[in-house]
Amino acid sequence: MARFLPRPVRLSVAVYRLLLVVYPSVHRQTYGPLVVQLFRDLCHDAYAQNGLLNLLPFWVQTLSDL
């Protein structure tokens, strides 16, 4: 069952997909769909807990991992 993704989460996932270009292509081909799915799920959970207030720290952590 597909779940509804709020607009900020959909936008975050789209931006994250673009950021994946910094990873080696073999890594993107092998793990790309899995890391996008994980990002989407974690982003959705963060947004569900406290809306936009939780997305900023989530993005800070994500970008620090990048």
PDB file of N, CA and C in Angstrom:
ATOM      1  N   MET A   1       0.848  -1.171   0.000  1.00  0.00           N
ATOM      2  CA  MET A   1       0.000   0.000   0.000  1.00  0.00           C
ATOM      3  C   MET A   1       0.893   1.233   0.000  1.00  0.00           C
ATOM      4  N   ALA A   2       0.703   2.096  -0.955  1.00  0.00           N
ATOM      5  CA  ALA A   2       1.477   3.334  -1.034  1.00  0.00           C
ATOM      6  C   ALA A   2       0.937   4.327  -0.018  1.00  0.00           C
ATOM      7  N   ARG A   3       1.868   5.052   0.584  1.00  0.00           N
ATOM      8  CA  ARG A   3       1.405   6.050   1.534  1.00  0.00           C
ATOM      9  C   ARG A   3       1.583   7.431   0.937  1.00  0.00           C
ATOM     10  N   PHE A   4       0.745   8.339   1.392  1.00  0.00           N
ATOM     11  CA  PHE A   4       0.788   9.707   0.923  1.00  0.00           C
ATOM     12  C   PHE A   4       2.067  10.369   1.420  1.00  0.00           C
ATOM     13  N   LEU A   5       2.757  11.069   0.533  1.00  0.00           N
ATOM     14  CA  LEU A   5       3.943  11.812   0.923  1.00  0.00           C
ATOM     15  C   LEU A   5       3.632  13.298   0.834  1.00  0.00           C
ATOM     16  N   PRO A   6       3.760  14.000   1.939  1.00  0.00           N
ATOM     17  CA  PRO A   6       3.527  15.446   1.914  1.00  0.00           C
ATOM     18  C   PRO A   6       4.511  16.137   0.966  1.00  0.00           C
ATOM     19  N   ARG A   7       4.123  17.287   0.483  1.00  0.00           N
ATOM     20  CA  ARG A   7       4.931  18.019  -0.487  1.00  0.00           C
ATOM     21  C   ARG A   7       6.373  18.253  -0.024  1.00  0.00           C
ATOM     22  N   PRO A   8       6.619  18.678   1.239  1.00  0.00           N
ATOM     23  CA  PRO A   8       8.012  18.875   1.665  1.00  0.00           C
ATOM     24  C   PRO A   8       8.844  17.591   1.592  1.00  0.00           C
ATOM     25  N   VAL A   9       8.216  16.470   1.839  1.00  0.00           N
ATOM     26  CA  VAL A   9       8.925  15.183   1.763  1.00  0.00           C
ATOM     27  C   VAL A   9       9.215  14.851   0.307  1.00  0.00           C
ATOM     28  N   ARG A  10       8.234  15.030  -0.568  1.00  0.00           N
ATOM     29  CA  ARG A  10       8.457  14.770  -2.000  1.00  0.00           C
ATOM     30  C   ARG A  10       9.566  15.667  -2.546  1.00  0.00           C
ATOM     31  N   LEU A  11       9.572  16.929  -2.161  1.00  0.00           N
ATOM     32  CA  LEU A  11      10.609  17.853  -2.599  1.00  0.00           C
ATOM     33  C   LEU A  11      11.977  17.428  -2.063  1.00  0.00           C
ATOM     34  N   SER A  12      12.023  17.032  -0.801  1.00  0.00           N
ATOM     35  CA  SER A  12      13.273  16.570  -0.204  1.00  0.00           C
ATOM     36  C   SER A  12      13.819  15.353  -0.940  1.00  0.00           C
ATOM     37  N   VAL A  13      12.950  14.426  -1.281  1.00  0.00           N
ATOM     38  CA  VAL A  13      13.381  13.221  -2.002  1.00  0.00           C
ATOM     39  C   VAL A  13      13.913  13.600  -3.384  1.00  0.00           C
ATOM     40  N   ALA A  14      13.260  14.536  -4.056  1.00  0.00           N
ATOM     41  CA  ALA A  14      13.724  14.967  -5.376  1.00  0.00           C
ATOM     42  C   ALA A  14      15.108  15.606  -5.286  1.00  0.00           C
ATOM     43  N   VAL A  15      15.321  16.438  -4.279  1.00  0.00           N
ATOM     44  CA  VAL A  15      16.625  17.075  -4.095  1.00  0.00           C
ATOM     45  C   VAL A  15      17.675  16.019  -3.758  1.00  0.00           C
ATOM     46  N   TYR A  16      17.319  15.088  -2.899  1.00  0.00           N
ATOM     47  CA  TYR A  16      18.256  14.032  -2.513  1.00  0.00           C
ATOM     48  C   TYR A  16      18.683  13.209  -3.729  1.00  0.00           C
ATOM     49  N   ARG A  17      17.738  12.896  -4.606  1.00  0.00           N
ATOM     50  CA  ARG A  17      18.077  12.154  -5.830  1.00  0.00           C
ATOM     51  C   ARG A  17      19.121  12.914  -6.648  1.00  0.00           C
ATOM     52  N   LEU A  18      18.979  14.230  -6.721  1.00  0.00           N
ATOM     53  CA  LEU A  18      19.952  15.042  -7.455  1.00  0.00           C
ATOM     54  C   LEU A  18      21.322  15.006  -6.787  1.00  0.00           C
ATOM     55  N   LEU A  19      21.335  14.986  -5.471  1.00  0.00           N
ATOM     56  CA  LEU A  19      22.598  14.991  -4.737  1.00  0.00           C
ATOM     57  C   LEU A  19      23.359  13.674  -4.882  1.00  0.00           C
ATOM     58  N   LEU A  20      22.672  12.633  -5.252  1.00  0.00           N
ATOM     59  CA  LEU A  20      23.334  11.338  -5.394  1.00  0.00           C
ATOM     60  C   LEU A  20      24.366  11.322  -6.513  1.00  0.00           C
ATOM     61  N   VAL A  21      24.378  12.338  -7.363  1.00  0.00           N
ATOM     62  CA  VAL A  21      25.363  12.368  -8.450  1.00  0.00           C
ATOM     63  C   VAL A  21      26.787  12.478  -7.918  1.00  0.00           C
ATOM     64  N   VAL A  22      26.969  12.881  -6.667  1.00  0.00           N
ATOM     65  CA  VAL A  22      28.321  12.991  -6.113  1.00  0.00           C
ATOM     66  C   VAL A  22      28.902  11.616  -5.765  1.00  0.00           C
ATOM     67  N   TYR A  23      28.067  10.615  -5.712  1.00  0.00           N
ATOM     68  CA  TYR A  23      28.545   9.266  -5.425  1.00  0.00           C
ATOM     69  C   TYR A  23      29.039   8.607  -6.715  1.00  0.00           C
ATOM     70  N   PRO A  24      29.961   7.685  -6.594  1.00  0.00           N
ATOM     71  CA  PRO A  24      30.431   6.971  -7.794  1.00  0.00           C
ATOM     72  C   PRO A  24      29.270   6.255  -8.481  1.00  0.00           C
ATOM     73  N   SER A  25      29.340   6.171  -9.794  1.00  0.00           N
ATOM     74  CA  SER A  25      28.229   5.615 -10.560  1.00  0.00           C
ATOM     75  C   SER A  25      27.939   4.155 -10.199  1.00  0.00           C
ATOM     76  N   VAL A  26      28.963   3.380  -9.915  1.00  0.00           N
ATOM     77  CA  VAL A  26      28.740   1.978  -9.529  1.00  0.00           C
ATOM     78  C   VAL A  26      27.942   1.922  -8.220  1.00  0.00           C
ATOM     79  N   HIS A  27      28.275   2.789  -7.294  1.00  0.00           N
ATOM     80  CA  HIS A  27      27.557   2.854  -6.023  1.00  0.00           C
ATOM     81  C   HIS A  27      26.097   3.255  -6.264  1.00  0.00           C
ATOM     82  N   ARG A  28      25.886   4.261  -7.107  1.00  0.00           N
ATOM     83  CA  ARG A  28      24.518   4.705  -7.408  1.00  0.00           C
ATOM     84  C   ARG A  28      23.717   3.586  -8.056  1.00  0.00           C
ATOM     85  N   GLN A  29      24.331   2.863  -8.992  1.00  0.00           N
ATOM     86  CA  GLN A  29      23.604   1.794  -9.679  1.00  0.00           C
ATOM     87  C   GLN A  29      23.254   0.658  -8.731  1.00  0.00           C
ATOM     88  N   THR A  30      24.176   0.346  -7.833  1.00  0.00           N
ATOM     89  CA  THR A  30      23.960  -0.775  -6.917  1.00  0.00           C
ATOM     90  C   THR A  30      23.024  -0.409  -5.769  1.00  0.00           C
ATOM     91  N   TYR A  31      23.259   0.750  -5.175  1.00  0.00           N
ATOM     92  CA  TYR A  31      22.548   1.111  -3.941  1.00  0.00           C
ATOM     93  C   TYR A  31      21.580   2.274  -4.079  1.00  0.00           C
ATOM     94  N   GLY A  32      21.573   2.947  -5.211  1.00  0.00           N
ATOM     95  CA  GLY A  32      20.753   4.142  -5.383  1.00  0.00           C
ATOM     96  C   GLY A  32      19.302   3.981  -4.969  1.00  0.00           C
ATOM     97  N   PRO A  33      18.588   3.004  -5.538  1.00  0.00           N
ATOM     98  CA  PRO A  33      17.177   2.856  -5.169  1.00  0.00           C
ATOM     99  C   PRO A  33      16.978   2.567  -3.675  1.00  0.00           C
ATOM    100  N   LEU A  34      17.886   1.818  -3.093  1.00  0.00           N
ATOM    101  CA  LEU A  34      17.753   1.489  -1.671  1.00  0.00           C
ATOM    102  C   LEU A  34      17.982   2.704  -0.785  1.00  0.00           C
ATOM    103  N   VAL A  35      18.996   3.518  -1.101  1.00  0.00           N
ATOM    104  CA  VAL A  35      19.253   4.689  -0.260  1.00  0.00           C
ATOM    105  C   VAL A  35      18.168   5.740  -0.445  1.00  0.00           C
ATOM    106  N   VAL A  36      17.601   5.830  -1.642  1.00  0.00           N
ATOM    107  CA  VAL A  36      16.487   6.766  -1.847  1.00  0.00           C
ATOM    108  C   VAL A  36      15.277   6.308  -1.040  1.00  0.00           C
ATOM    109  N   GLN A  37      15.016   5.009  -1.042  1.00  0.00           N
ATOM    110  CA  GLN A  37      13.888   4.488  -0.262  1.00  0.00           C
ATOM    111  C   GLN A  37      14.101   4.745   1.230  1.00  0.00           C
ATOM    112  N   LEU A  38      15.310   4.490   1.709  1.00  0.00           N
ATOM    113  CA  LEU A  38      15.609   4.739   3.119  1.00  0.00           C
ATOM    114  C   LEU A  38      15.465   6.220   3.445  1.00  0.00           C
ATOM    115  N   PHE A  39      16.011   7.081   2.583  1.00  0.00           N
ATOM    116  CA  PHE A  39      15.887   8.516   2.800  1.00  0.00           C
ATOM    117  C   PHE A  39      14.422   8.929   2.854  1.00  0.00           C
ATOM    118  N   ARG A  40      13.638   8.448   1.891  1.00  0.00           N
ATOM    119  CA  ARG A  40      12.218   8.802   1.845  1.00  0.00           C
ATOM    120  C   ARG A  40      11.502   8.383   3.127  1.00  0.00           C
ATOM    121  N   ASP A  41      11.763   7.169   3.579  1.00  0.00           N
ATOM    122  CA  ASP A  41      11.106   6.681   4.794  1.00  0.00           C
ATOM    123  C   ASP A  41      11.519   7.490   6.024  1.00  0.00           C
ATOM    124  N   LEU A  42      12.820   7.752   6.154  1.00  0.00           N
ATOM    125  CA  LEU A  42      13.289   8.525   7.307  1.00  0.00           C
ATOM    126  C   LEU A  42      12.805   9.968   7.251  1.00  0.00           C
ATOM    127  N   CYS A  43      12.795  10.533   6.074  1.00  0.00           N
ATOM    128  CA  CYS A  43      12.307  11.897   5.897  1.00  0.00           C
ATOM    129  C   CYS A  43      10.819  11.980   6.245  1.00  0.00           C
ATOM    130  N   HIS A  44      10.070  11.018   5.775  1.00  0.00           N
ATOM    131  CA  HIS A  44       8.632  10.992   6.085  1.00  0.00           C
ATOM    132  C   HIS A  44       8.404  10.860   7.586  1.00  0.00           C
ATOM    133  N   ASP A  45       9.169  10.002   8.235  1.00  0.00           N
ATOM    134  CA  ASP A  45       9.035   9.838   9.689  1.00  0.00           C
ATOM    135  C   ASP A  45       9.375  11.126  10.426  1.00  0.00           C
ATOM    136  N   ALA A  46      10.445  11.794  10.002  1.00  0.00           N
ATOM    137  CA  ALA A  46      10.837  13.058  10.642  1.00  0.00           C
ATOM    138  C   ALA A  46       9.739  14.098  10.458  1.00  0.00           C
ATOM    139  N   TYR A  47       9.199  14.183   9.265  1.00  0.00           N
ATOM    140  CA  TYR A  47       8.141  15.159   8.987  1.00  0.00           C
ATOM    141  C   TYR A  47       6.879  14.825   9.788  1.00  0.00           C
ATOM    142  N   ALA A  48       6.569  13.553   9.902  1.00  0.00           N
ATOM    143  CA  ALA A  48       5.362  13.139  10.630  1.00  0.00           C
ATOM    144  C   ALA A  48       5.457  13.470  12.119  1.00  0.00           C
ATOM    145  N   GLN A  49       6.670  13.480  12.662  1.00  0.00           N
ATOM    146  CA  GLN A  49       6.839  13.753  14.091  1.00  0.00           C
ATOM    147  C   GLN A  49       6.580  15.215  14.452  1.00  0.00           C
ATOM    148  N   ASN A  50       7.076  16.125  13.609  1.00  0.00           N
ATOM    149  CA  ASN A  50       6.929  17.535  13.981  1.00  0.00           C
ATOM    150  C   ASN A  50       6.970  18.461  12.772  1.00  0.00           C
ATOM    151  N   GLY A  51       6.554  17.987  11.640  1.00  0.00           N
ATOM    152  CA  GLY A  51       6.468  18.828  10.452  1.00  0.00           C
ATOM    153  C   GLY A  51       7.818  19.360  10.007  1.00  0.00           C
ATOM    154  N   LEU A  52       7.799  20.564   9.491  1.00  0.00           N
ATOM    155  CA  LEU A  52       9.009  21.181   8.944  1.00  0.00           C
ATOM    156  C   LEU A  52      10.105  21.356   9.981  1.00  0.00           C
ATOM    157  N   LEU A  53       9.737  21.473  11.246  1.00  0.00           N
ATOM    158  CA  LEU A  53      10.747  21.652  12.293  1.00  0.00           C
ATOM    159  C   LEU A  53      11.707  20.479  12.381  1.00  0.00           C
ATOM    160  N   ASN A  54      11.253  19.310  12.036  1.00  0.00           N
ATOM    161  CA  ASN A  54      12.126  18.135  12.074  1.00  0.00           C
ATOM    162  C   ASN A  54      12.878  17.916  10.770  1.00  0.00           C
ATOM    163  N   LEU A  55      12.447  18.553   9.705  1.00  0.00           N
ATOM    164  CA  LEU A  55      13.148  18.350   8.440  1.00  0.00           C
ATOM    165  C   LEU A  55      14.501  19.051   8.418  1.00  0.00           C
ATOM    166  N   LEU A  56      14.618  20.192   9.048  1.00  0.00           N
ATOM    167  CA  LEU A  56      15.902  20.902   9.032  1.00  0.00           C
ATOM    168  C   LEU A  56      17.010  20.086   9.690  1.00  0.00           C
ATOM    169  N   PRO A  57      16.844  19.588  10.915  1.00  0.00           N
ATOM    170  CA  PRO A  57      17.906  18.752  11.494  1.00  0.00           C
ATOM    171  C   PRO A  57      18.152  17.473  10.685  1.00  0.00           C
ATOM    172  N   PHE A  58      17.102  16.934  10.103  1.00  0.00           N
ATOM    173  CA  PHE A  58      17.252  15.741   9.275  1.00  0.00           C
ATOM    174  C   PHE A  58      18.144  16.041   8.074  1.00  0.00           C
ATOM    175  N   TRP A  59      17.924  17.185   7.435  1.00  0.00           N
ATOM    176  CA  TRP A  59      18.749  17.571   6.293  1.00  0.00           C
ATOM    177  C   TRP A  59      20.178  17.888   6.712  1.00  0.00           C
ATOM    178  N   VAL A  60      20.365  18.499   7.862  1.00  0.00           N
ATOM    179  CA  VAL A  60      21.718  18.794   8.348  1.00  0.00           C
ATOM    180  C   VAL A  60      22.485  17.484   8.513  1.00  0.00           C
ATOM    181  N   GLN A  61      21.851  16.510   9.112  1.00  0.00           N
ATOM    182  CA  GLN A  61      22.499  15.207   9.295  1.00  0.00           C
ATOM    183  C   GLN A  61      22.780  14.551   7.949  1.00  0.00           C
ATOM    184  N   THR A  62      21.819  14.609   7.041  1.00  0.00           N
ATOM    185  CA  THR A  62      21.988  14.011   5.720  1.00  0.00           C
ATOM    186  C   THR A  62      23.149  14.652   4.971  1.00  0.00           C
ATOM    187  N   LEU A  63      23.200  15.962   4.992  1.00  0.00           N
ATOM    188  CA  LEU A  63      24.268  16.660   4.275  1.00  0.00           C
ATOM    189  C   LEU A  63      25.629  16.423   4.897  1.00  0.00           C
ATOM    190  N   SER A  64      25.676  16.237   6.209  1.00  0.00           N
ATOM    191  CA  SER A  64      26.949  15.951   6.843  1.00  0.00           C
ATOM    192  C   SER A  64      27.454  14.555   6.437  1.00  0.00           C
ATOM    193  N   ASP A  65      26.534  13.641   6.157  1.00  0.00           N
ATOM    194  CA  ASP A  65      26.908  12.308   5.680  1.00  0.00           C
ATOM    195  C   ASP A  65      27.364  12.319   4.228  1.00  0.00           C
ATOM    196  N   LEU A  66      26.886  13.292   3.503  1.00  0.00           N
ATOM    197  CA  LEU A  66      27.213  13.374   2.081  1.00  0.00           C
ATOM    198  C   LEU A  66      28.685  13.651   1.895  1.00  0.00           C
TER     199      LEU A  66
END
